[in-house]
Structure formats: structure tokens, C-alpha cells
Amino acid sequence: MDTIWTVSAFVGAFALLIGILVVVSIPISRLALRKIEREEAQFVSSMHDRGRSLPWSDAYARLSNGNGTLIYDSLSPKGPIRLWWSPQAKPPDGFALPGKHDNSGIFDRTEYKHYCLGFVSQQLDDLHGVALLVTDWASQPQLKSALKQDGVIEVCRWSGQEPIIVTAA
């Protein structure tokens, strides 16, 4: 009989602890989201001040004329996401996904790593990159079709990890 009460007390305490954690996690996650939104707004403002931003309407017009490349930049699996426009018509040979394989058919990871780091540095670096940050793009109806065009490059730069290029047409 004492064992049942001990188990019940343990389960009750555990359920109470889980309930407290759930209640506490909701405001903490909202605060974290607001912090990310604030940091992104500051980033957009700093890119605008440096002359490194471009309205969606201008980026879309340039893309429609065959000028430039869209870069879809994912900073984490849940966002934020940045959209960039690069003046390059297509990624140059140095920025095409490396296709070199050794004789066994294994992908050269060192070459790929250097390629990704170089691409991010040349295109997306806050101070020295050439790509322009596209603003006001999230609610645009043309976005889906623009992201399906040839030449769109997807970059994942998740914190604590080196950047990877997921797709490049």
C-alpha cells in the first residue's frame, strides 16, 4: 500500500513539474521570438544604411529580365529567413555545387566546405558581401514562382555549424 502512495506521489510531483515547465516555457519562447525579430529588424536597417538592400519589386523586376540570382538564406530550421539578390546572372563556375568526385565516387567534402565558406563570405558577409538584402518579400504572391526559377541558391547557416549550400540550379 505504501508503494502505491509513493508511486502516486512521484507521478503527481512529476506531472506538477511538467505543468510548471510548460507554463514557464510559453513566455520564455515568446521573449526569445521577440528578441530574434528585434535583431532581424536591426539587421535590415543596417543593410539599408549600408546601401545593401533592395525592395522586392526591384528584385523581382530584375529577375524577370534575367538579371541576377536569388539566394534563400536560412539561419535556422525555424527561421529567420533572409532573401538576397546577387547581381551575378548565374553562379560562376567557382560557385556551382562542386561535382568533383574521387575515383571511388565519394564527394570531396573539403572542397565543398571551402566552397560554402567562400560563397557565404563573398555574397552574404555583412560588411563586404555583394548580395543585396531583399526587403518586403514575405507576403508577395510572386515569391513561390521566383523561388522555383533556375539559379536560386539555398544556403543554410544554422548557428554553431558551418554554412552549407543545399541547392543551386
Foldseek 3Di string as FASTA:
>chain_A
DVVVVVVVVVVVVVVVVVVVCVVVVVVVVVVVVVVVVVVVVVLLVLLVVVVQADEPVVLVVCVVVLFWAWEWEAQAPVDDIWIWTARHSADPPLQDQDPDDPPVRDDDVVSQLVSQVVVCCQAPPSPHHRIGTYPPDPPDPCVVVRCPDARYWYWYNYPPDRIHIDDHD
